[in-house]
Structures are given as structure tokens and as C-alpha cells.
Protein backbone atom coordinates (compact mmCIF):
# COMPACT_ATOMS: atom_id res chain seq x y z
CA UNK A 1 85.92 44.84 -98.84
CA UNK A 2 89.07 44.91 -100.95
CA UNK A 3 89.65 45.86 -104.57
CA UNK A 4 89.68 43.03 -107.11
CA UNK A 5 93.43 43.37 -107.67
CA UNK A 6 94.66 43.80 -104.10
CA UNK A 7 94.89 40.15 -103.04
CA UNK A 8 94.38 38.19 -106.22
CA UNK A 9 96.77 35.42 -105.23
CA UNK A 10 94.31 34.46 -102.49
CA UNK A 11 91.29 35.20 -104.65
CA UNK A 12 92.20 32.76 -107.40
CA UNK A 13 92.79 29.97 -104.90
CA UNK A 14 89.77 30.91 -102.83
CA UNK A 15 87.74 31.59 -106.00
CA UNK A 16 84.95 33.62 -104.42
CA UNK A 17 83.89 36.93 -105.95
CA UNK A 18 80.99 39.10 -104.82
CA UNK A 19 79.70 42.15 -106.67
CA UNK A 20 78.62 44.73 -104.10
CA UNK A 21 77.95 47.73 -106.29
CA UNK A 22 76.90 48.65 -109.82
CA UNK A 23 80.09 50.55 -110.57
CA UNK A 24 82.79 48.62 -108.70
CA UNK A 25 83.72 44.98 -108.26
CA UNK A 26 85.10 43.81 -104.97
CA UNK A 27 86.43 40.49 -103.78
CA UNK A 28 85.06 38.95 -100.63
CA UNK A 29 86.94 36.04 -99.08
CA UNK A 30 84.40 34.12 -97.04
CA UNK A 31 86.01 30.69 -96.79
CA UNK A 32 89.35 28.98 -97.16
CA UNK A 33 89.90 26.99 -100.34
CA UNK A 34 93.44 25.89 -101.07
CA UNK A 35 94.96 24.62 -104.27
CA UNK A 36 93.93 21.05 -103.41
CA UNK A 37 90.30 22.21 -103.51
CA UNK A 38 90.73 23.68 -106.98
CA UNK A 39 92.28 20.43 -108.26
CA UNK A 40 89.58 18.35 -106.55
CA UNK A 41 86.79 20.41 -108.09
CA UNK A 42 88.37 20.08 -111.53
CA UNK A 43 88.53 16.31 -111.06
CA UNK A 44 84.91 16.08 -109.97
CA UNK A 45 83.56 18.33 -112.71
CA UNK A 46 85.79 17.61 -115.69
CA UNK A 47 87.82 14.47 -115.04
CA UNK A 48 91.36 13.30 -114.37
CA UNK A 49 93.06 15.13 -117.23
CA UNK A 50 91.51 18.38 -116.07
CA UNK A 51 92.82 17.82 -112.54
CA UNK A 52 96.32 17.33 -113.96
CA UNK A 53 96.01 20.62 -115.83
CA UNK A 54 94.84 22.19 -112.58
CA UNK A 55 97.95 20.95 -110.78
CA UNK A 56 100.11 22.38 -113.56
CA UNK A 57 98.28 25.72 -113.25
CA UNK A 58 98.81 25.84 -109.48
CA UNK A 59 102.49 25.05 -110.06
CA UNK A 60 102.62 27.99 -112.50
CA UNK A 61 101.01 30.33 -109.97
CA UNK A 62 103.37 29.20 -107.21
CA UNK A 63 106.50 29.41 -109.36
CA UNK A 64 109.57 31.40 -108.44
CA UNK A 65 110.05 34.09 -111.10
CA UNK A 66 112.79 36.70 -111.10
CA UNK A 67 111.27 39.05 -113.69
CA UNK A 68 107.93 40.06 -115.16
CA UNK A 69 109.19 38.75 -118.49
CA UNK A 70 109.53 35.23 -117.10
CA UNK A 71 106.00 35.46 -115.70
CA UNK A 72 104.69 36.55 -119.09
CA UNK A 73 106.51 33.79 -120.95
CA UNK A 74 105.45 31.01 -118.58
CA UNK A 75 101.81 32.11 -118.46
CA UNK A 76 101.53 32.63 -122.21
CA UNK A 77 103.14 29.26 -122.94
CA UNK A 78 100.97 27.39 -120.42
CA UNK A 79 97.60 28.58 -121.69
CA UNK A 80 98.53 28.40 -125.36
CA UNK A 81 98.74 24.62 -124.92
CA UNK A 82 94.96 24.50 -124.57
CA UNK A 83 92.81 24.03 -127.65
CA UNK A 84 91.04 26.76 -129.57
CA UNK A 85 87.38 26.32 -130.41
CA UNK A 86 84.23 28.40 -130.74
CA UNK A 87 81.80 29.17 -127.95
CA UNK A 88 79.00 27.72 -130.03
CA UNK A 89 80.74 24.36 -130.30
CA UNK A 90 82.00 24.25 -126.72
CA UNK A 91 79.23 25.90 -124.69
CA UNK A 92 76.28 25.89 -127.06
CA UNK A 93 75.98 29.67 -127.30
CA UNK A 94 77.53 32.38 -129.43
CA UNK A 95 79.49 34.35 -126.82
CA UNK A 96 80.41 32.98 -123.39
CA UNK A 97 83.38 34.20 -121.32
CA UNK A 98 84.62 31.19 -119.36
CA UNK A 99 86.33 31.52 -115.99
CA UNK A 100 89.95 30.31 -115.83
CA UNK A 101 88.83 27.15 -114.00
CA UNK A 102 86.18 26.42 -116.65
CA UNK A 103 88.73 27.04 -119.41
CA UNK A 104 91.24 24.65 -117.83
CA UNK A 105 88.51 22.13 -117.13
CA UNK A 106 87.15 22.16 -120.69
CA UNK A 107 90.68 22.08 -122.19
CA UNK A 108 89.52 24.56 -124.83
CA UNK A 109 88.11 28.00 -125.42
CA UNK A 110 88.04 30.96 -127.74
CA UNK A 111 90.23 34.06 -127.69
CA UNK A 112 88.37 35.68 -124.76
CA UNK A 113 89.03 32.63 -122.61
CA UNK A 114 92.75 32.64 -123.40
CA UNK A 115 92.99 36.36 -122.61
CA UNK A 116 90.95 36.21 -119.39
CA UNK A 117 92.90 33.25 -118.00
CA UNK A 118 96.25 34.89 -118.77
CA UNK A 119 95.14 38.20 -117.25
CA UNK A 120 93.98 36.74 -113.93
CA UNK A 121 97.00 34.46 -113.70
CA UNK A 122 99.42 37.34 -114.25
CA UNK A 123 97.66 39.34 -111.55
CA UNK A 124 98.01 36.36 -109.23
CA UNK A 125 101.73 36.26 -110.03
CA UNK A 126 102.08 39.80 -108.72
CA UNK A 127 101.98 41.89 -111.87
CA UNK A 128 99.97 44.99 -111.01
CA UNK A 129 96.72 45.79 -112.76
CA UNK A 130 98.20 49.09 -113.96
CA UNK A 131 100.60 47.11 -116.17
CA UNK A 132 97.92 44.94 -117.77
CA UNK A 133 95.12 45.38 -120.28
CA UNK A 134 92.74 43.01 -121.97
CA UNK A 135 92.38 44.38 -125.49
CA UNK A 136 89.64 43.74 -128.02
CA UNK A 137 91.20 44.02 -131.46
CA UNK A 138 90.30 43.50 -135.09
CA UNK A 139 92.43 40.64 -136.42
CA UNK A 140 93.06 41.81 -139.95
CA UNK A 141 94.25 38.47 -141.33
CA UNK A 142 91.27 36.60 -139.92
CA UNK A 143 88.87 39.49 -140.60
CA UNK A 144 87.22 39.11 -137.22
CA UNK A 145 87.30 40.49 -133.70
CA UNK A 146 89.87 38.96 -131.36
CA UNK A 147 91.09 39.41 -127.77
CA UNK A 148 94.65 39.61 -126.42
CA UNK A 149 96.48 40.66 -123.26
CA UNK A 150 98.86 43.64 -123.20
CA UNK A 151 101.66 44.26 -120.71
CA UNK A 152 102.98 47.79 -120.13
CA UNK A 153 106.33 47.97 -118.36
CA UNK A 154 105.59 51.66 -117.71
CA UNK A 155 102.39 53.64 -118.37
CA UNK A 156 103.93 55.24 -121.45
CA UNK A 157 105.69 52.10 -122.72
CA UNK A 158 104.78 50.32 -125.90
CA UNK A 159 103.04 47.17 -124.68
CA UNK A 160 103.96 43.55 -125.21
CA UNK A 161 101.16 41.41 -126.64
CA UNK A 162 100.24 37.94 -125.35
CA UNK A 163 98.16 36.11 -127.93
CA UNK A 164 96.97 32.62 -128.78
CA UNK A 165 97.11 33.19 -132.57
CA UNK A 166 100.79 34.11 -132.54
CA UNK A 167 102.37 32.43 -129.53
CA UNK A 168 105.47 34.64 -129.57
CA UNK A 169 105.26 37.63 -127.24
CA UNK A 170 105.86 40.72 -129.38
CA UNK A 171 105.73 44.49 -129.14
CA UNK A 172 102.43 45.94 -130.32
CA UNK A 173 104.20 47.62 -133.25
CA UNK A 174 105.21 44.17 -134.47
CA UNK A 175 101.58 43.05 -134.59
CA UNK A 176 100.42 45.02 -137.60
CA UNK A 177 97.71 42.38 -138.05
CA UNK A 178 95.90 43.66 -134.94
CA UNK A 179 93.89 46.89 -134.79
CA UNK A 180 92.88 47.84 -131.22
CA UNK A 181 89.23 48.71 -130.58
CA UNK A 182 88.89 48.97 -126.80
CA UNK A 183 90.78 47.77 -123.74
CA UNK A 184 90.15 47.32 -120.04
CA UNK A 185 91.50 46.00 -116.76
CA UNK A 186 89.98 45.75 -113.29
CA UNK A 187 89.81 49.52 -112.90
CA UNK A 188 89.36 51.30 -116.24
CA UNK A 189 87.94 51.01 -119.74
CA UNK A 190 89.69 52.64 -122.69
CA UNK A 191 88.67 53.33 -126.27
CA UNK A 192 91.73 52.71 -128.43
CA UNK A 193 92.74 54.54 -131.56
CA UNK A 194 96.35 53.38 -131.47
CA UNK A 195 98.38 50.51 -129.99
CA UNK A 196 98.89 52.28 -126.70
CA UNK A 197 96.51 53.14 -123.89
CA UNK A 198 93.77 55.01 -125.69
CA UNK A 199 91.19 57.36 -124.14
CA UNK A 200 89.57 56.59 -120.78
CA UNK A 201 85.91 55.75 -121.36
CA UNK A 202 84.75 54.83 -117.85
CA UNK A 203 84.79 51.75 -115.65
CA UNK A 204 84.95 48.12 -116.83
CA UNK A 205 81.56 47.58 -115.19
CA UNK A 206 80.13 48.98 -118.43
CA UNK A 207 81.02 45.63 -119.99
CA UNK A 208 78.15 43.23 -119.33
CA UNK A 209 80.14 40.06 -119.97
CA UNK A 210 82.99 41.22 -117.72
CA UNK A 211 80.53 41.70 -114.86
CA UNK A 212 78.93 38.33 -115.55
CA UNK A 213 82.34 36.64 -115.61
CA UNK A 214 83.32 38.03 -112.23
CA UNK A 215 80.03 36.91 -110.71
CA UNK A 216 80.85 33.36 -111.84
CA UNK A 217 84.43 33.12 -110.55
CA UNK A 218 83.51 30.78 -107.71
CA UNK A 219 84.00 27.02 -107.72
CA UNK A 220 80.30 26.32 -107.24
CA UNK A 221 79.06 27.63 -110.60
CA UNK A 222 81.20 25.70 -113.06
CA UNK A 223 79.55 25.12 -116.39
CA UNK A 224 79.74 21.85 -118.30
CA UNK A 225 80.70 22.08 -122.00
CA UNK A 226 78.36 20.54 -124.54
CA UNK A 227 81.33 19.12 -126.45
CA UNK A 228 84.20 17.17 -124.86
CA UNK A 229 87.57 18.51 -126.07
CA UNK A 230 90.00 16.09 -124.44
């Protein structure tokens, strides 16, 4: 067994996750699925346009990047091309966290889908989990809850925010429209009272939808949207 973040490059391409404990999530690689398999599955489940998006995603993950900043920019730009919609319209239910493959296949998602796809892609690009957070925020302008990704160059650094509402990567202090509520990565859960790390509140396994998402990361459980967004 290996930790979820230890070999994520392989995990995303293999796309097999197994939960082996109530408090920890581990990745189990039990077969070999290369990038061609991912593209093929997208084609079979969502169509030709989805397979082309899959090829572009694989190209992103296999890119040659000299800095974390270039990884952030490329990942943020790639996923922000996809369409925003509600879970109710796309999946027929009020709150569904799509896997990155489902998100790419459907060509649309809500803020959680943008954040999740960016987070896993950045891990695959070699950015360590310690530098990343998925943050649930209150979007003041929209007057609703919203989800973004934060990148910390160092543990005490002010994070950079990757968002689908504002496509420009900015320091947290420049996003006065966002009020952090809680944040998490593959190892920890934090309650936030400021735009930095917040107070440790346990393991991310406390989040039901996070656990459910990781159980569905394989290529054999892809869900079909109820609305076509091509």
C-alpha cells in the first residue's frame, strides 16, 4: 500500500483507487492502464470531442515544466476552458463531485469539479500535497459557497488561488471576495479563520464526498451526465 500522494503520476493514468481503512485512503495499482486507455475510455463513454480533451489533458500531464508557477498556469488555464454548470443540470442531483475523467468527459462541471481536477493534476505534475489545499470558501459577490485550489510555496507563505470564477492566479490577499471556511488535501483537514492554513481539524476522511470521490476514481465507474454540454 502507498499513500495517495506518493505515486500520483501513475495513479491518474492507472486510475484505480482502493479505500482500505476508515481513516486513511491508499492507492492500489492492480493493472496497467496507459494514457491511450484513458483516451479510449473517454471516447467510448463521452464521444470524440471528449477523447480530444483527454489527449490534451495527457499532454498537459506529460509536459516539461521548469517551475511550479508554469504548472499552475498551464493547469488553471486548461481546466478553465471547460464549461460551468450546476450539478442539478448536469448530473440530476444537487451535489455531486465528479472525477477528473468525468469532468473532462462531460465538458462541464461546478466549482468542486474544477478544483478537484486541478488538485489531482497538480499532484500528478509533481507538486507535493503539502503545497496544495482545496478550499471551501464563501464567495461574497455571488453570496454562495464556492471551491478553489490554493498553492503554498512554503508552509508559512501566503497562498496563490486557482479559481474558475477569476481565471487569473492571485495571492489570497487579492481575493477579498473569498472568505475561507475549511480546507483539505490528501492528508489533513483544516478549519479556516483567515486566508492561510487555519487550524487542523482531523483527516480528510471526515468529508463524505471526498471519500466517495476517491472510491470512484477508476475508469470503470464513469457516470453519464443527464444533459449534454458539448
